[in-house]
C-alpha atoms as a PDB file:
ATOM      1  CA  UNK A   1      42.478 -27.379 -33.841  1.00  0.00           C
ATOM      2  CA  UNK A   2      42.046 -23.675 -33.199  1.00  0.00           C
ATOM      3  CA  UNK A   3      45.557 -22.872 -34.443  1.00  0.00           C
ATOM      4  CA  UNK A   4      44.978 -24.585 -37.760  1.00  0.00           C
ATOM      5  CA  UNK A   5      41.224 -24.252 -38.184  1.00  0.00           C
ATOM      6  CA  UNK A   6      40.832 -20.625 -37.103  1.00  0.00           C
ATOM      7  CA  UNK A   7      44.208 -18.874 -37.192  1.00  0.00           C
ATOM      8  CA  UNK A   8      45.481 -20.219 -40.520  1.00  0.00           C
ATOM      9  CA  UNK A   9      42.111 -19.692 -42.193  1.00  0.00           C
ATOM     10  CA  UNK A  10      41.961 -16.127 -40.832  1.00  0.00           C
ATOM     11  CA  UNK A  11      45.432 -15.281 -42.104  1.00  0.00           C
ATOM     12  CA  UNK A  12      44.549 -16.736 -45.496  1.00  0.00           C
ATOM     13  CA  UNK A  13      41.346 -14.658 -45.692  1.00  0.00           C
ATOM     14  CA  UNK A  14      43.263 -11.472 -44.818  1.00  0.00           C
ATOM     15  CA  UNK A  15      46.245 -12.158 -47.089  1.00  0.00           C
ATOM     16  CA  UNK A  16      45.480  -9.147 -49.287  1.00  0.00           C
ATOM     17  CA  UNK A  17      45.350  -6.771 -46.291  1.00  0.00           C
ATOM     18  CA  UNK A  18      48.509  -8.074 -44.663  1.00  0.00           C
ATOM     19  CA  UNK A  19      51.792  -6.424 -45.515  1.00  0.00           C
ATOM     20  CA  UNK A  20      55.361  -7.267 -44.562  1.00  0.00           C
ATOM     21  CA  UNK A  21      55.329  -4.745 -41.694  1.00  0.00           C
ATOM     22  CA  UNK A  22      51.984  -5.663 -40.138  1.00  0.00           C
ATOM     23  CA  UNK A  23      51.645  -7.959 -37.161  1.00  0.00           C
ATOM     24  CA  UNK A  24      48.176  -9.549 -37.069  1.00  0.00           C
ATOM     25  CA  UNK A  25      46.697 -10.401 -33.697  1.00  0.00           C
ATOM     26  CA  UNK A  26      44.118 -13.133 -33.325  1.00  0.00           C
ATOM     27  CA  UNK A  27      41.929 -13.706 -30.272  1.00  0.00           C
ATOM     28  CA  UNK A  28      39.750 -16.735 -29.627  1.00  0.00           C
ATOM     29  CA  UNK A  29      36.298 -15.509 -28.562  1.00  0.00           C
ATOM     30  CA  UNK A  30      34.239 -18.691 -28.274  1.00  0.00           C
ATOM     31  CA  UNK A  31      34.352 -22.392 -28.918  1.00  0.00           C
ATOM     32  CA  UNK A  32      32.124 -25.432 -28.615  1.00  0.00           C
ATOM     33  CA  UNK A  33      33.821 -28.764 -29.223  1.00  0.00           C
ATOM     34  CA  UNK A  34      32.736 -32.394 -28.966  1.00  0.00           C
ATOM     35  CA  UNK A  35      35.439 -35.072 -28.632  1.00  0.00           C
ATOM     36  CA  UNK A  36      34.771 -38.669 -29.669  1.00  0.00           C
ATOM     37  CA  UNK A  37      38.067 -40.609 -29.873  1.00  0.00           C
ATOM     38  CA  UNK A  38      41.535 -40.270 -28.305  1.00  0.00           C
ATOM     39  CA  UNK A  39      44.584 -39.210 -30.309  1.00  0.00           C
ATOM     40  CA  UNK A  40      47.763 -41.053 -29.366  1.00  0.00           C
ATOM     41  CA  UNK A  41      51.318 -39.648 -29.620  1.00  0.00           C
ATOM     42  CA  UNK A  42      52.858 -39.854 -33.107  1.00  0.00           C
ATOM     43  CA  UNK A  43      49.408 -40.302 -34.700  1.00  0.00           C
ATOM     44  CA  UNK A  44      48.721 -38.177 -37.789  1.00  0.00           C
ATOM     45  CA  UNK A  45      45.539 -36.124 -37.802  1.00  0.00           C
ATOM     46  CA  UNK A  46      43.788 -33.933 -40.364  1.00  0.00           C
ATOM     47  CA  UNK A  47      41.948 -30.707 -39.529  1.00  0.00           C
ATOM     48  CA  UNK A  48      39.148 -29.577 -41.851  1.00  0.00           C
ATOM     49  CA  UNK A  49      37.841 -26.038 -41.379  1.00  0.00           C
ATOM     50  CA  UNK A  50      34.813 -24.509 -43.104  1.00  0.00           C
ATOM     51  CA  UNK A  51      34.138 -20.772 -42.951  1.00  0.00           C
ATOM     52  CA  UNK A  52      30.670 -19.971 -41.582  1.00  0.00           C
ATOM     53  CA  UNK A  53      30.887 -16.185 -41.146  1.00  0.00           C
ATOM     54  CA  UNK A  54      33.622 -13.654 -41.895  1.00  0.00           C
ATOM     55  CA  UNK A  55      32.475 -10.074 -41.296  1.00  0.00           C
ATOM     56  CA  UNK A  56      34.184  -7.042 -39.753  1.00  0.00           C
ATOM     57  CA  UNK A  57      37.289  -9.191 -39.108  1.00  0.00           C
ATOM     58  CA  UNK A  58      35.269 -11.657 -37.018  1.00  0.00           C
ATOM     59  CA  UNK A  59      35.604 -15.261 -38.159  1.00  0.00           C
ATOM     60  CA  UNK A  60      33.431 -18.210 -37.215  1.00  0.00           C
ATOM     61  CA  UNK A  61      34.144 -21.658 -38.605  1.00  0.00           C
ATOM     62  CA  UNK A  62      33.164 -25.299 -38.241  1.00  0.00           C
ATOM     63  CA  UNK A  63      36.108 -27.615 -37.647  1.00  0.00           C
ATOM     64  CA  UNK A  64      36.527 -31.377 -37.819  1.00  0.00           C
ATOM     65  CA  UNK A  65      39.473 -33.480 -36.682  1.00  0.00           C
ATOM     66  CA  UNK A  66      40.026 -36.818 -38.432  1.00  0.00           C
ATOM     67  CA  UNK A  67      42.550 -39.510 -37.539  1.00  0.00           C
ATOM     68  CA  UNK A  68      44.706 -41.401 -40.041  1.00  0.00           C
ATOM     69  CA  UNK A  69      41.898 -43.929 -40.609  1.00  0.00           C
ATOM     70  CA  UNK A  70      39.479 -41.134 -41.557  1.00  0.00           C
ATOM     71  CA  UNK A  71      37.468 -41.524 -38.340  1.00  0.00           C
ATOM     72  CA  UNK A  72      35.928 -38.436 -36.745  1.00  0.00           C
ATOM     73  CA  UNK A  73      37.897 -37.599 -33.589  1.00  0.00           C
ATOM     74  CA  UNK A  74      36.368 -34.201 -32.744  1.00  0.00           C
ATOM     75  CA  UNK A  75      34.142 -31.510 -34.223  1.00  0.00           C
ATOM     76  CA  UNK A  76      32.722 -28.165 -33.237  1.00  0.00           C
ATOM     77  CA  UNK A  77      32.502 -24.416 -33.793  1.00  0.00           C
ATOM     78  CA  UNK A  78      35.297 -21.901 -33.160  1.00  0.00           C
ATOM     79  CA  UNK A  79      35.072 -18.099 -33.371  1.00  0.00           C
ATOM     80  CA  UNK A  80      37.671 -15.370 -33.097  1.00  0.00           C
ATOM     81  CA  UNK A  81      38.583 -11.767 -33.874  1.00  0.00           C
ATOM     82  CA  UNK A  82      41.367 -10.769 -36.261  1.00  0.00           C
ATOM     83  CA  UNK A  83      43.092  -7.448 -35.570  1.00  0.00           C
ATOM     84  CA  UNK A  84      45.455  -5.754 -38.014  1.00  0.00           C
ATOM     85  CA  UNK A  85      47.483  -2.701 -37.039  1.00  0.00           C
END
């Protein structure tokens, strides 16, 4: 969930600052997750991420994980830092 919900959203938000030669670094700083249902192998899931705060390259977002039936599997908050050199 962190790879899709935090990393992909962070790269999308910084798309204008990223160039071909830059190598962004992303660090997970905190997370709080609640899990409700198991996910079995070969099951399709959907990750929904909503930006809460994006300031000074620090991103905090709410994420939800839904199974193929649309049932809530997990939800929580994830935060991380985005570094561009």
